[in-house]
Amino acid sequence: MERYIVKIRSYLRDECIEYGTGIMIATNLVLVPRHVACGDRHTVCINDKEDPARIIKENDVAVVLEISQSDYTFADIFSDDEILDEESTWSVSGFISSQQCEHHMRGNGI
């Protein structure tokens, strides 16, 4: 899963106001939590290169950002079927804080 995770930055008047992560869902689309995509400008950081992004879809929970192009691998993992139950073990990786430090979590259940 880690190979699909990218860094996101949101700016307000050229000041970075939010950091977070998103998941590549197509070669040029990134699914991002709503609270990360705030401000008036957004970027996607892939391999230490910061590319401008624009919101193309949004709701109260998530945003889809579009970047001009990417050779980055995208996740072909989404399904309408529930794949976790109370006994499932899961893990997730991403980046946290203004320093964009790698962060990993594991858990059990839904």
C-alpha atoms as a PDB file:
ATOM      1  CA  MET A   1       0.000   0.000   0.000  1.00  0.00           C
ATOM      2  CA  GLU A   2       2.856   2.397   0.752  1.00  0.00           C
ATOM      3  CA  ARG A   3       3.770   2.692  -2.910  1.00  0.00           C
ATOM      4  CA  TYR A   4       0.458   4.490  -3.586  1.00  0.00           C
ATOM      5  CA  ILE A   5       0.770   7.112  -0.820  1.00  0.00           C
ATOM      6  CA  VAL A   6       1.841  10.659  -1.694  1.00  0.00           C
ATOM      7  CA  LYS A   7       2.385  13.825   0.325  1.00  0.00           C
ATOM      8  CA  ILE A   8      -0.118  16.677   0.109  1.00  0.00           C
ATOM      9  CA  ARG A   9       0.360  20.332   1.025  1.00  0.00           C
ATOM     10  CA  SER A  10      -2.313  23.020   1.178  1.00  0.00           C
ATOM     11  CA  TYR A  11      -1.571  26.738   1.090  1.00  0.00           C
ATOM     12  CA  LEU A  12      -3.402  29.928   1.939  1.00  0.00           C
ATOM     13  CA  ARG A  13      -1.896  33.060   0.415  1.00  0.00           C
ATOM     14  CA  ASP A  14       1.378  31.173  -0.261  1.00  0.00           C
ATOM     15  CA  GLU A  15       1.740  29.978   3.348  1.00  0.00           C
ATOM     16  CA  CYS A  16       1.549  26.221   3.905  1.00  0.00           C
ATOM     17  CA  ILE A  17      -1.347  25.680   6.323  1.00  0.00           C
ATOM     18  CA  GLU A  18      -1.907  21.893   6.170  1.00  0.00           C
ATOM     19  CA  TYR A  19       0.139  18.767   5.514  1.00  0.00           C
ATOM     20  CA  GLY A  20      -1.098  15.260   4.937  1.00  0.00           C
ATOM     21  CA  THR A  21      -1.237  12.282   2.646  1.00  0.00           C
ATOM     22  CA  GLY A  22      -3.331  11.052  -0.225  1.00  0.00           C
ATOM     23  CA  ILE A  23      -3.601   7.873  -2.243  1.00  0.00           C
ATOM     24  CA  MET A  24      -3.072   7.732  -6.002  1.00  0.00           C
ATOM     25  CA  ILE A  25      -6.286   6.368  -7.550  1.00  0.00           C
ATOM     26  CA  ALA A  26      -5.336   7.005 -11.199  1.00  0.00           C
ATOM     27  CA  THR A  27      -2.205   8.226 -12.975  1.00  0.00           C
ATOM     28  CA  ASN A  28      -3.217  11.845 -12.351  1.00  0.00           C
ATOM     29  CA  LEU A  29      -5.810  11.638  -9.521  1.00  0.00           C
ATOM     30  CA  VAL A  30      -5.272  11.650  -5.758  1.00  0.00           C
ATOM     31  CA  LEU A  31      -7.878  10.864  -3.078  1.00  0.00           C
ATOM     32  CA  VAL A  32      -7.311  13.127  -0.060  1.00  0.00           C
ATOM     33  CA  PRO A  33      -9.094  13.630   3.295  1.00  0.00           C
ATOM     34  CA  ARG A  34     -11.192  16.823   3.242  1.00  0.00           C
ATOM     35  CA  HIS A  35      -9.347  18.400   6.196  1.00  0.00           C
ATOM     36  CA  VAL A  36      -6.023  18.161   4.330  1.00  0.00           C
ATOM     37  CA  ALA A  37      -7.284  19.899   1.177  1.00  0.00           C
ATOM     38  CA  CYS A  38      -8.047  23.316   2.617  1.00  0.00           C
ATOM     39  CA  GLY A  39      -6.792  26.749   1.618  1.00  0.00           C
ATOM     40  CA  ASP A  40      -6.602  28.263  -1.838  1.00  0.00           C
ATOM     41  CA  ARG A  41      -3.819  26.170  -3.390  1.00  0.00           C
ATOM     42  CA  HIS A  42      -2.798  22.512  -3.189  1.00  0.00           C
ATOM     43  CA  THR A  43       0.237  20.505  -4.225  1.00  0.00           C
ATOM     44  CA  VAL A  44       1.097  16.826  -4.505  1.00  0.00           C
ATOM     45  CA  CYS A  45       4.651  15.831  -3.628  1.00  0.00           C
ATOM     46  CA  ILE A  46       5.991  12.796  -5.471  1.00  0.00           C
ATOM     47  CA  ASN A  47       9.665  11.864  -5.221  1.00  0.00           C
ATOM     48  CA  ASP A  48      10.483  15.265  -3.665  1.00  0.00           C
ATOM     49  CA  LYS A  49       8.855  17.109  -6.599  1.00  0.00           C
ATOM     50  CA  GLU A  50       5.946  19.397  -5.692  1.00  0.00           C
ATOM     51  CA  ASP A  51       3.298  19.544  -8.439  1.00  0.00           C
ATOM     52  CA  PRO A  52       0.279  21.885  -8.463  1.00  0.00           C
ATOM     53  CA  ALA A  53      -3.092  20.173  -8.048  1.00  0.00           C
ATOM     54  CA  ARG A  54      -6.688  21.254  -8.431  1.00  0.00           C
ATOM     55  CA  ILE A  55      -9.852  19.973  -6.792  1.00  0.00           C
ATOM     56  CA  ILE A  56     -12.124  18.222  -9.297  1.00  0.00           C
ATOM     57  CA  LYS A  57     -14.539  16.484  -6.873  1.00  0.00           C
ATOM     58  CA  GLU A  58     -15.277  17.010  -3.200  1.00  0.00           C
ATOM     59  CA  ASN A  59     -17.684  16.281  -0.382  1.00  0.00           C
ATOM     60  CA  ASP A  60     -17.623  16.688   3.406  1.00  0.00           C
ATOM     61  CA  VAL A  61     -15.209  13.762   3.839  1.00  0.00           C
ATOM     62  CA  ALA A  62     -12.874  13.578   0.839  1.00  0.00           C
ATOM     63  CA  VAL A  63     -11.459  15.462  -2.117  1.00  0.00           C
ATOM     64  CA  VAL A  64     -10.135  14.262  -5.454  1.00  0.00           C
ATOM     65  CA  LEU A  65      -7.145  16.285  -6.626  1.00  0.00           C
ATOM     66  CA  GLU A  66      -5.977  16.304 -10.228  1.00  0.00           C
ATOM     67  CA  ILE A  67      -2.340  16.774 -11.210  1.00  0.00           C
ATOM     68  CA  SER A  68      -1.155  17.369 -14.753  1.00  0.00           C
ATOM     69  CA  GLN A  69       0.758  14.112 -15.099  1.00  0.00           C
ATOM     70  CA  SER A  70       2.459  11.392 -13.125  1.00  0.00           C
ATOM     71  CA  ASP A  71       4.384   8.208 -13.715  1.00  0.00           C
ATOM     72  CA  TYR A  72       3.553   7.181 -10.159  1.00  0.00           C
ATOM     73  CA  THR A  73       1.861   3.839  -9.493  1.00  0.00           C
ATOM     74  CA  PHE A  74      -1.810   4.086  -8.575  1.00  0.00           C
ATOM     75  CA  ALA A  75      -3.927   1.839  -6.372  1.00  0.00           C
ATOM     76  CA  ASP A  76      -6.338  -0.461  -8.181  1.00  0.00           C
ATOM     77  CA  ILE A  77      -7.763  -1.749  -4.905  1.00  0.00           C
ATOM     78  CA  PHE A  78     -11.217  -0.254  -4.445  1.00  0.00           C
ATOM     79  CA  SER A  79     -14.347  -2.377  -4.219  1.00  0.00           C
ATOM     80  CA  ASP A  80     -17.986  -2.104  -3.173  1.00  0.00           C
ATOM     81  CA  ASP A  81     -17.551  -5.271  -1.099  1.00  0.00           C
ATOM     82  CA  GLU A  82     -16.608  -4.976   2.582  1.00  0.00           C
ATOM     83  CA  ILE A  83     -13.219  -6.627   2.974  1.00  0.00           C
ATOM     84  CA  LEU A  84     -12.655  -6.116   6.706  1.00  0.00           C
ATOM     85  CA  ASP A  85     -14.432  -7.760   9.618  1.00  0.00           C
ATOM     86  CA  GLU A  86     -13.964  -7.790  13.412  1.00  0.00           C
ATOM     87  CA  GLU A  87     -11.036 -10.228  13.096  1.00  0.00           C
ATOM     88  CA  SER A  88      -9.177  -8.474  10.272  1.00  0.00           C
ATOM     89  CA  THR A  89      -5.669  -7.173  10.874  1.00  0.00           C
ATOM     90  CA  TRP A  90      -4.869  -3.957   9.014  1.00  0.00           C
ATOM     91  CA  SER A  91      -2.003  -1.533   8.591  1.00  0.00           C
ATOM     92  CA  VAL A  92      -1.668   1.909   7.100  1.00  0.00           C
ATOM     93  CA  SER A  93       1.282   4.148   6.323  1.00  0.00           C
ATOM     94  CA  GLY A  94       1.517   7.832   5.594  1.00  0.00           C
ATOM     95  CA  PHE A  95       3.213  11.076   6.577  1.00  0.00           C
ATOM     96  CA  ILE A  96       2.436  13.293   9.574  1.00  0.00           C
ATOM     97  CA  SER A  97       3.413  16.689  10.966  1.00  0.00           C
ATOM     98  CA  SER A  98       4.870  19.684   9.202  1.00  0.00           C
ATOM     99  CA  GLN A  99       8.092  17.700   8.765  1.00  0.00           C
ATOM    100  CA  GLN A 100       6.128  15.043   6.819  1.00  0.00           C
ATOM    101  CA  CYS A 101       7.642  12.208   8.869  1.00  0.00           C
ATOM    102  CA  GLU A 102       6.801   8.651   7.867  1.00  0.00           C
ATOM    103  CA  HIS A 103       4.153   7.158  10.154  1.00  0.00           C
ATOM    104  CA  HIS A 104       2.794   3.600  10.389  1.00  0.00           C
ATOM    105  CA  MET A 105      -0.213   2.213  12.280  1.00  0.00           C
ATOM    106  CA  ARG A 106      -1.632  -1.290  12.719  1.00  0.00           C
ATOM    107  CA  GLY A 107      -4.879  -2.510  14.231  1.00  0.00           C
ATOM    108  CA  ASN A 108      -7.530  -5.201  14.367  1.00  0.00           C
ATOM    109  CA  GLY A 109     -11.175  -5.068  13.346  1.00  0.00           C
ATOM    110  CA  ILE A 110     -13.198  -2.477  11.564  1.00  0.00           C
END
